[in-house]
N, C-alpha and C. Protein backbone atom coordinates (compact mmCIF):
# COMPACT_ATOMS: atom_id res chain seq x y z
N MET A 1 -29.39 0.27 0.91
CA MET A 1 -28.52 0.95 1.62
C MET A 1 -28.96 2.51 0.79
N ASN A 2 -28.37 3.38 1.28
CA ASN A 2 -28.60 4.90 0.70
C ASN A 2 -27.47 5.33 0.16
N ASP A 3 -27.56 7.01 -0.15
CA ASP A 3 -26.20 7.73 -0.91
C ASP A 3 -25.20 7.93 0.13
N THR A 4 -25.21 7.92 1.59
CA THR A 4 -24.26 7.73 2.34
C THR A 4 -23.73 6.59 3.21
N THR A 5 -24.36 5.29 2.57
CA THR A 5 -23.72 4.21 3.29
C THR A 5 -23.14 3.13 2.18
N TRP A 6 -22.09 2.74 2.84
CA TRP A 6 -21.43 1.80 1.71
C TRP A 6 -21.16 0.59 2.74
N GLU A 7 -21.49 -0.68 1.74
CA GLU A 7 -21.43 -1.74 2.74
C GLU A 7 -20.28 -2.58 2.10
N VAL A 8 -19.12 -3.14 2.67
CA VAL A 8 -18.30 -3.92 2.33
C VAL A 8 -17.95 -5.38 2.92
N LYS A 9 -18.02 -6.20 1.61
CA LYS A 9 -18.04 -7.86 2.29
C LYS A 9 -16.56 -8.18 2.05
N LEU A 10 -15.90 -8.65 3.32
CA LEU A 10 -14.55 -9.30 3.10
C LEU A 10 -14.54 -10.54 2.71
N ARG A 11 -13.33 -10.90 2.16
CA ARG A 11 -13.06 -12.15 1.80
C ARG A 11 -12.59 -13.06 2.85
N PRO A 12 -13.24 -14.14 3.02
CA PRO A 12 -13.26 -15.28 4.35
C PRO A 12 -11.97 -15.55 4.27
N GLY A 13 -11.38 -15.79 5.67
CA GLY A 13 -10.17 -16.64 5.73
C GLY A 13 -8.64 -15.67 5.61
N LEU A 14 -8.94 -14.39 5.80
CA LEU A 14 -7.69 -13.58 5.53
C LEU A 14 -7.38 -13.54 7.12
N THR A 15 -5.64 -13.55 7.00
CA THR A 15 -5.19 -12.81 8.12
C THR A 15 -3.91 -11.92 7.84
N PHE A 16 -3.77 -11.26 8.97
CA PHE A 16 -2.37 -10.43 9.03
C PHE A 16 -1.28 -11.48 8.79
N HIS A 17 -0.02 -10.83 8.61
CA HIS A 17 1.01 -11.71 8.63
C HIS A 17 1.58 -12.33 10.00
N ASN A 18 0.95 -11.68 11.25
CA ASN A 18 1.32 -11.95 12.47
C ASN A 18 0.17 -12.99 13.10
N GLY A 19 -0.68 -13.44 12.24
CA GLY A 19 -1.67 -14.31 12.53
C GLY A 19 -3.02 -13.74 12.84
N GLU A 20 -3.13 -12.27 13.40
CA GLU A 20 -4.53 -11.79 13.44
C GLU A 20 -5.51 -11.78 12.11
N PRO A 21 -6.67 -12.03 12.64
CA PRO A 21 -7.75 -12.03 11.49
C PRO A 21 -8.10 -10.65 10.83
N LEU A 22 -7.97 -10.60 9.46
CA LEU A 22 -8.37 -9.41 8.88
C LEU A 22 -9.98 -9.41 8.78
N ASP A 23 -10.62 -8.82 9.66
CA ASP A 23 -11.80 -8.90 9.50
C ASP A 23 -12.66 -7.55 9.57
N ALA A 24 -14.13 -7.48 9.99
CA ALA A 24 -14.62 -6.28 9.98
C ALA A 24 -13.85 -5.25 11.14
N GLU A 25 -13.86 -6.07 12.09
CA GLU A 25 -13.55 -5.37 13.33
C GLU A 25 -11.97 -4.59 13.09
N ALA A 26 -11.13 -5.17 12.31
CA ALA A 26 -9.77 -4.75 12.04
C ALA A 26 -10.06 -3.47 10.80
N VAL A 27 -11.24 -3.52 9.97
CA VAL A 27 -11.40 -2.44 9.21
C VAL A 27 -12.00 -1.13 9.84
N ARG A 28 -12.70 -1.55 10.94
CA ARG A 28 -13.46 -0.39 11.82
C ARG A 28 -12.61 0.36 12.48
N PHE A 29 -11.51 -0.65 13.32
CA PHE A 29 -10.38 -0.16 14.10
C PHE A 29 -9.43 1.03 13.22
N SER A 30 -8.98 0.54 11.92
CA SER A 30 -8.29 1.00 11.16
C SER A 30 -8.68 2.30 10.39
N LEU A 31 -9.85 2.53 10.14
CA LEU A 31 -10.48 3.74 9.53
C LEU A 31 -10.64 4.54 10.86
N MET A 32 -11.10 3.96 11.87
CA MET A 32 -11.45 5.11 12.99
C MET A 32 -10.15 5.74 13.51
N ARG A 33 -9.07 4.71 13.50
CA ARG A 33 -7.75 5.31 14.09
C ARG A 33 -7.16 6.35 13.24
N ALA A 34 -7.33 6.26 11.76
CA ALA A 34 -6.89 6.97 10.82
C ALA A 34 -7.55 8.70 11.29
N LEU A 35 -8.83 8.63 11.57
CA LEU A 35 -9.57 9.61 11.92
C LEU A 35 -9.34 10.28 13.35
N ASP A 36 -8.79 9.67 14.30
CA ASP A 36 -8.78 10.06 15.51
C ASP A 36 -7.37 11.23 15.61
N PRO A 37 -8.23 12.32 15.94
CA PRO A 37 -7.04 13.37 15.81
C PRO A 37 -5.78 13.19 16.90
N THR A 38 -5.72 12.43 17.67
CA THR A 38 -4.58 12.17 18.60
C THR A 38 -3.67 11.45 17.94
N VAL A 39 -4.04 10.68 16.84
CA VAL A 39 -3.11 9.71 16.08
C VAL A 39 -2.47 10.80 15.25
N LYS A 40 -2.90 11.61 14.84
CA LYS A 40 -2.33 12.75 13.79
C LYS A 40 -1.99 12.04 12.31
N SER A 41 -2.88 11.11 11.72
CA SER A 41 -2.61 10.34 10.73
C SER A 41 -2.64 11.30 9.67
N VAL A 42 -1.67 11.34 8.53
CA VAL A 42 -1.60 12.11 7.35
C VAL A 42 -2.73 11.65 6.38
N PHE A 43 -3.52 10.54 6.67
CA PHE A 43 -4.67 10.23 5.96
C PHE A 43 -6.02 10.97 6.32
N ALA A 44 -6.07 11.53 7.49
CA ALA A 44 -7.40 11.90 8.14
C ALA A 44 -7.94 12.70 7.02
N SER A 45 -7.30 13.78 6.32
CA SER A 45 -8.01 14.89 5.80
C SER A 45 -8.81 13.79 4.34
N SER A 46 -8.04 13.00 3.84
CA SER A 46 -8.92 11.99 2.65
C SER A 46 -9.81 11.18 3.35
N LEU A 47 -9.84 11.18 4.47
CA LEU A 47 -11.07 10.15 4.90
C LEU A 47 -12.07 10.65 5.95
N ASN A 48 -12.01 11.88 5.79
CA ASN A 48 -12.84 13.17 6.89
C ASN A 48 -14.49 13.08 6.26
N THR A 49 -14.75 12.47 5.13
CA THR A 49 -16.39 12.18 5.07
C THR A 49 -16.87 11.25 5.97
N ILE A 50 -16.12 10.29 6.34
CA ILE A 50 -16.69 9.31 6.91
C ILE A 50 -17.00 9.75 8.37
N ALA A 51 -18.22 9.39 8.55
CA ALA A 51 -19.07 9.83 9.93
C ALA A 51 -18.96 8.68 10.84
N ARG A 52 -18.92 7.52 10.60
CA ARG A 52 -18.99 6.11 11.58
C ARG A 52 -18.53 4.91 10.52
N VAL A 53 -18.16 4.04 11.26
CA VAL A 53 -18.13 2.69 10.71
C VAL A 53 -18.42 1.77 11.35
N GLU A 54 -19.33 0.73 11.08
CA GLU A 54 -20.03 -0.22 11.71
C GLU A 54 -19.67 -1.56 11.43
N VAL A 55 -19.33 -2.76 12.12
CA VAL A 55 -19.43 -3.82 12.05
C VAL A 55 -20.65 -4.43 12.05
N VAL A 56 -21.14 -5.29 10.83
CA VAL A 56 -22.21 -5.82 10.64
C VAL A 56 -22.24 -7.30 11.25
N ASP A 57 -21.27 -7.97 10.56
CA ASP A 57 -20.98 -9.19 11.15
C ASP A 57 -19.23 -9.44 10.89
N PRO A 58 -18.50 -10.67 11.05
CA PRO A 58 -17.43 -10.52 11.16
C PRO A 58 -16.61 -10.06 9.69
N LEU A 59 -17.44 -10.73 8.75
CA LEU A 59 -17.38 -10.26 7.44
C LEU A 59 -17.91 -9.11 6.51
N THR A 60 -18.78 -8.24 7.13
CA THR A 60 -18.99 -7.13 6.73
C THR A 60 -19.11 -5.81 7.46
N VAL A 61 -18.53 -4.76 6.57
CA VAL A 61 -18.58 -3.42 7.56
C VAL A 61 -19.25 -2.68 6.67
N ARG A 62 -19.81 -1.61 7.41
CA ARG A 62 -20.79 -0.71 6.77
C ARG A 62 -20.00 0.69 7.11
N ILE A 63 -19.72 1.51 6.29
CA ILE A 63 -19.32 2.72 6.39
C ILE A 63 -20.31 3.90 5.93
N VAL A 64 -20.54 4.76 6.82
CA VAL A 64 -21.47 5.99 6.75
C VAL A 64 -20.83 7.10 6.54
N THR A 65 -20.84 7.80 5.40
CA THR A 65 -20.26 8.88 5.19
C THR A 65 -21.18 10.21 5.64
N LYS A 66 -20.68 11.26 5.94
CA LYS A 66 -21.36 12.45 6.23
C LYS A 66 -22.30 13.03 5.23
N ALA A 67 -21.91 12.71 3.79
CA ALA A 67 -22.67 13.35 2.74
C ALA A 67 -22.29 12.33 1.78
N PRO A 68 -22.88 12.05 0.60
CA PRO A 68 -22.69 11.41 -0.40
C PRO A 68 -20.99 11.49 -0.93
N ASP A 69 -20.54 10.37 -1.00
CA ASP A 69 -18.98 10.59 -1.27
C ASP A 69 -18.61 9.42 -2.44
N PRO A 70 -18.76 9.84 -3.58
CA PRO A 70 -18.61 8.71 -4.54
C PRO A 70 -17.27 8.14 -5.00
N ILE A 71 -16.51 8.91 -4.42
CA ILE A 71 -14.97 8.38 -4.65
C ILE A 71 -14.31 7.69 -3.46
N LEU A 72 -15.30 7.59 -2.43
CA LEU A 72 -14.61 6.72 -1.07
C LEU A 72 -13.83 5.56 -1.66
N PRO A 73 -14.63 4.82 -2.57
CA PRO A 73 -13.92 3.66 -2.74
C PRO A 73 -12.79 3.48 -3.48
N SER A 74 -12.35 4.34 -4.21
CA SER A 74 -10.99 4.70 -4.83
C SER A 74 -10.03 5.42 -3.77
N ARG A 75 -10.27 6.21 -2.80
CA ARG A 75 -9.28 6.44 -1.60
C ARG A 75 -9.11 5.31 -0.79
N LEU A 76 -10.30 4.28 -0.54
CA LEU A 76 -9.85 3.22 0.46
C LEU A 76 -8.96 2.23 -0.47
N SER A 77 -8.87 2.15 -1.62
CA SER A 77 -8.06 1.27 -2.35
C SER A 77 -6.58 1.71 -2.51
N MET A 78 -6.21 2.84 -2.02
CA MET A 78 -4.97 3.40 -1.91
C MET A 78 -4.48 3.46 -0.57
N GLN A 79 -3.48 3.92 -0.37
CA GLN A 79 -2.56 3.87 0.83
C GLN A 79 -3.39 4.10 2.19
N GLN A 80 -4.45 5.52 1.76
CA GLN A 80 -5.29 5.85 3.18
C GLN A 80 -6.18 4.83 3.81
N GLY A 81 -6.51 3.83 2.91
CA GLY A 81 -7.28 2.62 3.31
C GLY A 81 -6.68 1.51 3.88
N GLN A 82 -5.47 1.59 4.27
CA GLN A 82 -4.52 0.54 4.83
C GLN A 82 -5.45 -0.02 6.05
N ILE A 83 -5.43 -1.23 6.20
CA ILE A 83 -5.92 -1.67 7.25
C ILE A 83 -4.85 -2.43 8.15
N LEU A 84 -5.07 -2.08 9.36
CA LEU A 84 -3.92 -2.84 10.38
C LEU A 84 -4.49 -3.70 11.28
N PRO A 85 -3.60 -4.58 11.71
CA PRO A 85 -3.96 -5.70 12.99
C PRO A 85 -4.03 -4.76 14.02
N PRO A 86 -5.23 -4.81 14.62
CA PRO A 86 -5.79 -4.05 15.88
C PRO A 86 -4.69 -4.26 17.38
N LYS A 87 -4.60 -5.57 17.45
CA LYS A 87 -3.68 -5.92 18.78
C LYS A 87 -2.29 -5.39 18.36
N TYR A 88 -1.67 -5.65 17.54
CA TYR A 88 -0.50 -5.27 17.01
C TYR A 88 -0.16 -3.68 17.01
N ALA A 89 -1.15 -3.07 16.39
CA ALA A 89 -0.97 -1.57 16.40
C ALA A 89 -1.18 -1.08 17.83
N ALA A 90 -1.97 -1.62 18.49
CA ALA A 90 -2.18 -1.04 19.96
C ALA A 90 -0.82 -1.49 20.63
N GLU A 91 -0.10 -2.55 20.37
CA GLU A 91 0.89 -2.90 21.36
C GLU A 91 2.18 -1.97 20.61
N GLN A 92 2.32 -2.05 19.42
CA GLN A 92 3.50 -1.12 18.73
C GLN A 92 3.31 0.48 18.84
N GLY A 93 2.17 1.04 18.50
CA GLY A 93 1.85 2.19 18.29
C GLY A 93 2.32 2.83 17.15
N THR A 94 2.25 4.09 16.93
CA THR A 94 2.73 4.63 15.51
C THR A 94 4.26 4.32 14.96
N ARG A 95 5.10 4.42 16.10
CA ARG A 95 6.58 4.36 15.70
C ARG A 95 6.81 2.98 15.47
N GLY A 96 6.37 2.09 16.30
CA GLY A 96 6.25 0.51 16.13
C GLY A 96 5.61 -0.26 14.65
N LEU A 97 4.56 0.54 14.23
CA LEU A 97 4.20 0.20 12.78
C LEU A 97 5.12 0.85 11.98
N ALA A 98 5.63 1.98 11.90
CA ALA A 98 6.35 2.52 10.94
C ALA A 98 7.77 1.65 10.86
N ARG A 99 8.25 1.16 12.07
CA ARG A 99 9.51 0.64 11.70
C ARG A 99 9.53 -1.03 11.29
N LYS A 100 8.35 -1.55 11.75
CA LYS A 100 8.11 -3.05 11.54
C LYS A 100 6.49 -3.25 11.29
N PRO A 101 6.16 -2.69 9.97
CA PRO A 101 4.80 -2.93 9.61
C PRO A 101 4.33 -4.40 9.30
N VAL A 102 2.94 -4.83 9.64
CA VAL A 102 2.59 -5.86 9.58
C VAL A 102 1.29 -5.67 8.64
N GLY A 103 1.18 -6.43 7.42
CA GLY A 103 0.26 -6.25 6.60
C GLY A 103 -0.65 -7.74 6.42
N ALA A 104 -1.18 -7.84 5.38
CA ALA A 104 -1.83 -8.89 4.86
C ALA A 104 -1.70 -9.03 3.31
N GLY A 105 -1.00 -8.24 2.84
CA GLY A 105 -0.74 -8.91 1.33
C GLY A 105 0.13 -9.69 0.80
N PRO A 106 0.61 -10.03 -0.38
CA PRO A 106 1.17 -11.04 -1.09
C PRO A 106 2.64 -11.07 -0.37
N TYR A 107 3.13 -9.85 -0.18
CA TYR A 107 4.62 -9.83 0.57
C TYR A 107 4.58 -9.34 1.92
N ARG A 108 5.53 -9.96 2.71
CA ARG A 108 5.60 -9.71 3.93
C ARG A 108 6.82 -8.80 4.30
N PHE A 109 7.04 -7.95 5.14
CA PHE A 109 7.97 -7.22 5.33
C PHE A 109 9.05 -8.01 6.33
N VAL A 110 10.35 -8.03 5.77
CA VAL A 110 11.62 -8.61 6.17
C VAL A 110 12.32 -7.61 7.02
N SER A 111 12.84 -6.54 6.25
CA SER A 111 13.96 -5.69 6.83
C SER A 111 13.86 -4.27 6.27
N TRP A 112 14.49 -3.38 7.13
CA TRP A 112 14.56 -2.18 6.71
C TRP A 112 15.92 -1.20 7.24
N GLN A 113 16.67 -1.00 6.07
CA GLN A 113 17.99 -0.39 6.66
C GLN A 113 18.25 1.00 6.14
N LYS A 114 17.81 2.38 7.29
CA LYS A 114 17.98 3.37 6.62
C LYS A 114 18.60 3.87 5.64
N ASP A 115 17.97 4.47 4.57
CA ASP A 115 18.97 5.03 3.59
C ASP A 115 19.42 4.06 2.66
N GLU A 116 19.12 2.56 2.87
CA GLU A 116 19.78 1.59 2.15
C GLU A 116 18.83 0.72 1.52
N ALA A 117 17.81 0.02 2.01
CA ALA A 117 16.97 -0.91 1.47
C ALA A 117 15.65 -1.00 2.52
N ILE A 118 14.71 -1.54 1.76
CA ILE A 118 13.60 -2.04 2.52
C ILE A 118 13.33 -3.57 1.65
N THR A 119 13.21 -4.47 2.42
CA THR A 119 13.48 -5.87 1.76
C THR A 119 11.98 -6.45 2.26
N LEU A 120 11.13 -7.19 1.22
CA LEU A 120 9.78 -7.88 1.45
C LEU A 120 10.44 -9.41 0.81
N GLU A 121 9.55 -10.25 1.20
CA GLU A 121 9.46 -11.77 0.89
C GLU A 121 7.95 -12.26 0.62
N ALA A 122 7.81 -12.86 -0.41
CA ALA A 122 6.59 -13.63 -1.01
C ALA A 122 5.87 -14.17 0.32
N VAL A 123 4.93 -14.18 0.09
CA VAL A 123 3.81 -15.15 1.21
C VAL A 123 3.59 -16.23 0.40
N ALA A 124 4.06 -17.32 0.57
CA ALA A 124 3.93 -18.51 -0.35
C ALA A 124 2.40 -18.67 -0.53
N ASP A 125 1.58 -19.07 0.59
CA ASP A 125 0.23 -19.29 0.53
C ASP A 125 -0.88 -18.31 0.16
N HIS A 126 -0.37 -17.32 -0.11
CA HIS A 126 -1.39 -15.91 -0.38
C HIS A 126 -2.31 -16.37 -1.54
N TRP A 127 -3.47 -15.80 -1.27
CA TRP A 127 -4.57 -16.01 -2.31
C TRP A 127 -4.19 -15.40 -3.72
N ARG A 128 -3.15 -14.27 -3.75
CA ARG A 128 -2.55 -13.56 -4.93
C ARG A 128 -1.44 -14.06 -5.29
N ALA A 129 -1.14 -15.07 -4.73
CA ALA A 129 -0.03 -15.93 -5.34
C ALA A 129 1.17 -15.12 -6.08
N PRO A 130 1.78 -14.45 -5.29
CA PRO A 130 3.36 -13.91 -5.93
C PRO A 130 4.17 -14.64 -6.77
N LYS A 131 4.71 -14.00 -7.64
CA LYS A 131 5.65 -14.87 -8.74
C LYS A 131 6.96 -14.60 -8.41
N ILE A 132 7.33 -13.40 -7.64
CA ILE A 132 8.66 -13.06 -7.25
C ILE A 132 9.02 -13.08 -5.73
N ALA A 133 10.03 -14.07 -5.67
CA ALA A 133 10.37 -14.56 -4.06
C ALA A 133 10.77 -13.53 -3.24
N ARG A 134 11.30 -12.58 -3.58
CA ARG A 134 12.01 -11.57 -2.67
C ARG A 134 12.20 -10.37 -3.56
N VAL A 135 11.57 -9.18 -2.77
CA VAL A 135 11.54 -7.78 -3.51
C VAL A 135 12.51 -6.98 -2.42
N VAL A 136 13.41 -6.10 -2.94
CA VAL A 136 14.34 -5.22 -2.35
C VAL A 136 14.17 -3.78 -2.85
N PHE A 137 13.66 -3.14 -2.28
CA PHE A 137 13.64 -1.57 -2.91
C PHE A 137 14.85 -0.86 -2.23
N LYS A 138 15.41 -0.11 -3.08
CA LYS A 138 16.73 0.68 -2.71
C LYS A 138 16.61 2.17 -3.32
N PRO A 139 16.79 3.04 -2.55
CA PRO A 139 16.91 4.42 -2.85
C PRO A 139 18.30 4.61 -3.78
N ILE A 140 18.05 5.43 -4.93
CA ILE A 140 19.17 5.64 -5.60
C ILE A 140 18.75 7.07 -6.22
N PRO A 141 19.11 8.27 -5.29
CA PRO A 141 18.47 9.50 -5.48
C PRO A 141 19.12 10.09 -6.95
N GLU A 142 20.27 9.62 -7.32
CA GLU A 142 20.60 10.75 -8.55
C GLU A 142 20.07 9.88 -9.74
N GLY A 143 19.61 10.48 -10.88
CA GLY A 143 19.21 9.91 -12.07
C GLY A 143 20.28 9.05 -12.99
N ALA A 144 21.35 9.70 -12.88
CA ALA A 144 22.52 8.85 -13.70
C ALA A 144 22.86 7.70 -13.03
N SER A 145 22.84 7.67 -11.56
CA SER A 145 23.26 6.56 -10.65
C SER A 145 21.99 5.40 -11.04
N ARG A 146 20.76 5.75 -11.07
CA ARG A 146 19.57 5.23 -11.44
C ARG A 146 19.76 4.17 -12.91
N VAL A 147 20.31 5.18 -13.48
CA VAL A 147 20.20 4.40 -15.21
C VAL A 147 21.47 3.54 -15.12
N ALA A 148 22.48 3.86 -14.68
CA ALA A 148 23.86 2.98 -14.70
C ALA A 148 23.42 1.77 -14.02
N ALA A 149 22.69 1.66 -12.83
CA ALA A 149 22.41 0.54 -12.19
C ALA A 149 21.31 -0.33 -13.08
N LEU A 150 20.37 0.22 -13.86
CA LEU A 150 19.39 -0.54 -14.62
C LEU A 150 20.49 -0.98 -15.75
N LYS A 151 21.22 -0.21 -16.35
CA LYS A 151 21.96 -0.72 -17.48
C LYS A 151 23.09 -1.80 -17.32
N THR A 152 23.50 -1.91 -15.97
CA THR A 152 24.40 -3.05 -15.76
C THR A 152 23.69 -4.17 -15.11
N GLY A 153 22.42 -4.14 -15.12
CA GLY A 153 21.70 -5.17 -14.15
C GLY A 153 21.78 -4.99 -12.65
N ALA A 154 22.42 -3.98 -12.02
CA ALA A 154 22.21 -3.92 -10.56
C ALA A 154 21.22 -3.96 -10.04
N VAL A 155 20.11 -3.30 -10.81
CA VAL A 155 18.68 -3.34 -10.49
C VAL A 155 17.86 -3.63 -11.56
N ASP A 156 16.39 -4.24 -11.16
CA ASP A 156 15.76 -4.80 -12.50
C ASP A 156 14.78 -3.77 -12.94
N ILE A 157 14.34 -3.03 -11.92
CA ILE A 157 13.33 -2.07 -12.33
C ILE A 157 13.88 -0.33 -11.68
N THR A 158 13.40 0.47 -12.34
CA THR A 158 13.82 1.88 -11.89
C THR A 158 12.63 2.64 -12.40
N ALA A 159 12.52 3.81 -11.80
CA ALA A 159 11.56 4.67 -11.99
C ALA A 159 12.36 6.18 -12.08
N HIS A 160 11.47 7.26 -12.51
CA HIS A 160 12.03 8.49 -12.83
C HIS A 160 13.29 8.56 -13.76
N VAL A 161 13.24 7.86 -14.64
CA VAL A 161 14.63 7.83 -15.73
C VAL A 161 14.74 9.50 -16.19
N PRO A 162 15.69 10.04 -16.05
CA PRO A 162 15.79 11.27 -16.71
C PRO A 162 15.48 11.30 -18.04
N PRO A 163 14.61 12.26 -18.80
CA PRO A 163 14.27 12.28 -20.12
C PRO A 163 15.53 12.16 -20.88
N VAL A 164 16.75 12.86 -20.86
CA VAL A 164 17.66 12.64 -21.62
C VAL A 164 18.21 11.14 -21.73
N ASP A 165 18.01 10.21 -20.74
CA ASP A 165 18.20 9.17 -20.82
C ASP A 165 17.45 7.99 -21.12
N PHE A 166 16.29 8.41 -21.52
CA PHE A 166 15.26 7.71 -21.94
C PHE A 166 15.34 6.82 -23.05
N PRO A 167 15.89 7.39 -23.92
CA PRO A 167 16.11 6.86 -25.49
C PRO A 167 17.03 5.81 -25.42
N ALA A 168 18.12 5.78 -24.71
CA ALA A 168 19.18 4.92 -24.28
C ALA A 168 18.39 3.79 -23.84
N ILE A 169 17.79 3.95 -22.95
CA ILE A 169 17.02 2.64 -21.91
C ILE A 169 16.19 1.97 -23.05
N GLN A 170 15.40 2.73 -23.85
CA GLN A 170 14.46 2.11 -24.50
C GLN A 170 15.15 1.26 -25.69
N LYS A 171 16.33 1.88 -26.08
CA LYS A 171 17.12 1.28 -27.21
C LYS A 171 18.02 0.06 -26.85
N GLY A 172 18.16 -0.08 -25.31
CA GLY A 172 19.20 -1.07 -24.74
C GLY A 172 18.94 -2.59 -25.19
N ASP A 173 20.00 -3.36 -25.05
CA ASP A 173 19.65 -4.80 -25.66
C ASP A 173 19.13 -5.45 -24.14
N ARG A 174 19.29 -4.75 -22.89
CA ARG A 174 18.87 -5.44 -21.87
C ARG A 174 17.70 -5.10 -20.97
N THR A 175 17.48 -3.72 -21.60
CA THR A 175 16.29 -2.85 -21.00
C THR A 175 15.35 -2.86 -21.89
N VAL A 176 14.01 -2.56 -21.07
CA VAL A 176 12.83 -2.02 -21.89
C VAL A 176 12.28 -0.59 -21.03
N ALA A 177 11.68 0.04 -21.72
CA ALA A 177 11.49 1.32 -21.07
C ALA A 177 10.01 1.51 -21.50
N SER A 178 8.88 1.98 -20.39
CA SER A 178 7.83 2.29 -20.73
C SER A 178 7.72 3.91 -20.19
N ARG A 179 6.54 4.37 -20.60
CA ARG A 179 6.16 5.94 -20.05
C ARG A 179 4.74 5.61 -19.22
N SER A 180 4.72 6.18 -18.20
CA SER A 180 3.26 6.21 -17.63
C SER A 180 2.39 7.17 -18.46
N PRO A 181 0.81 6.74 -18.56
CA PRO A 181 0.08 7.26 -19.15
C PRO A 181 0.36 8.81 -18.96
N ALA A 182 0.51 9.32 -17.86
CA ALA A 182 0.58 10.91 -17.74
C ALA A 182 1.77 11.56 -18.17
N THR A 183 2.80 10.52 -18.47
CA THR A 183 3.88 11.38 -19.38
C THR A 183 4.14 10.96 -20.56
N ALA A 184 3.55 9.99 -20.99
CA ALA A 184 3.80 9.57 -22.52
C ALA A 184 3.20 10.78 -23.27
N PRO A 185 3.83 10.79 -24.50
CA PRO A 185 3.60 11.95 -25.67
C PRO A 185 2.23 11.74 -26.19
N SER A 186 1.43 12.80 -26.30
CA SER A 186 0.18 12.51 -27.04
C SER A 186 0.59 12.33 -28.76
N SER A 187 -0.47 11.41 -29.02
CA SER A 187 -0.47 11.31 -30.45
C SER A 187 -1.40 12.11 -31.30
């Protein structure tokens, strides 16, 4: 290859939760869709170094950039590199994808109740073998309410603990606290 070409080999046998194959065509479709100005993807600006995406074979995709882009793999590993099932995406459109997403990860989308919860369930035979059967994300906007839910066991994990409450969480009998590297005090 060269300084502007990335070749990616996909894991064989992967499928989306709806049964479509996760193959090189799905990767090409997804990246080119994100770059399509009519889609108005929020990820277009972070992928705009891509000139084209080529399907080499069912499990190999070649991504050609306009100039050397050494951090492209990092960006592709995050949300902007999401791969969609092409047929489902074409049928559902952007709005349908947002309301009932289909992926290929260790958890399958179950439901979404606006302002209440998003529920996911483990895919039993997934190659990454999830250990937790069901995950429920609940928005709790107010910091004290998040802390109370954690202390009482109403939730298992919370983020963005108000700094004033961090010591109590850290010393709690039923709680463990950790700081992200970005917020941990330096030694």
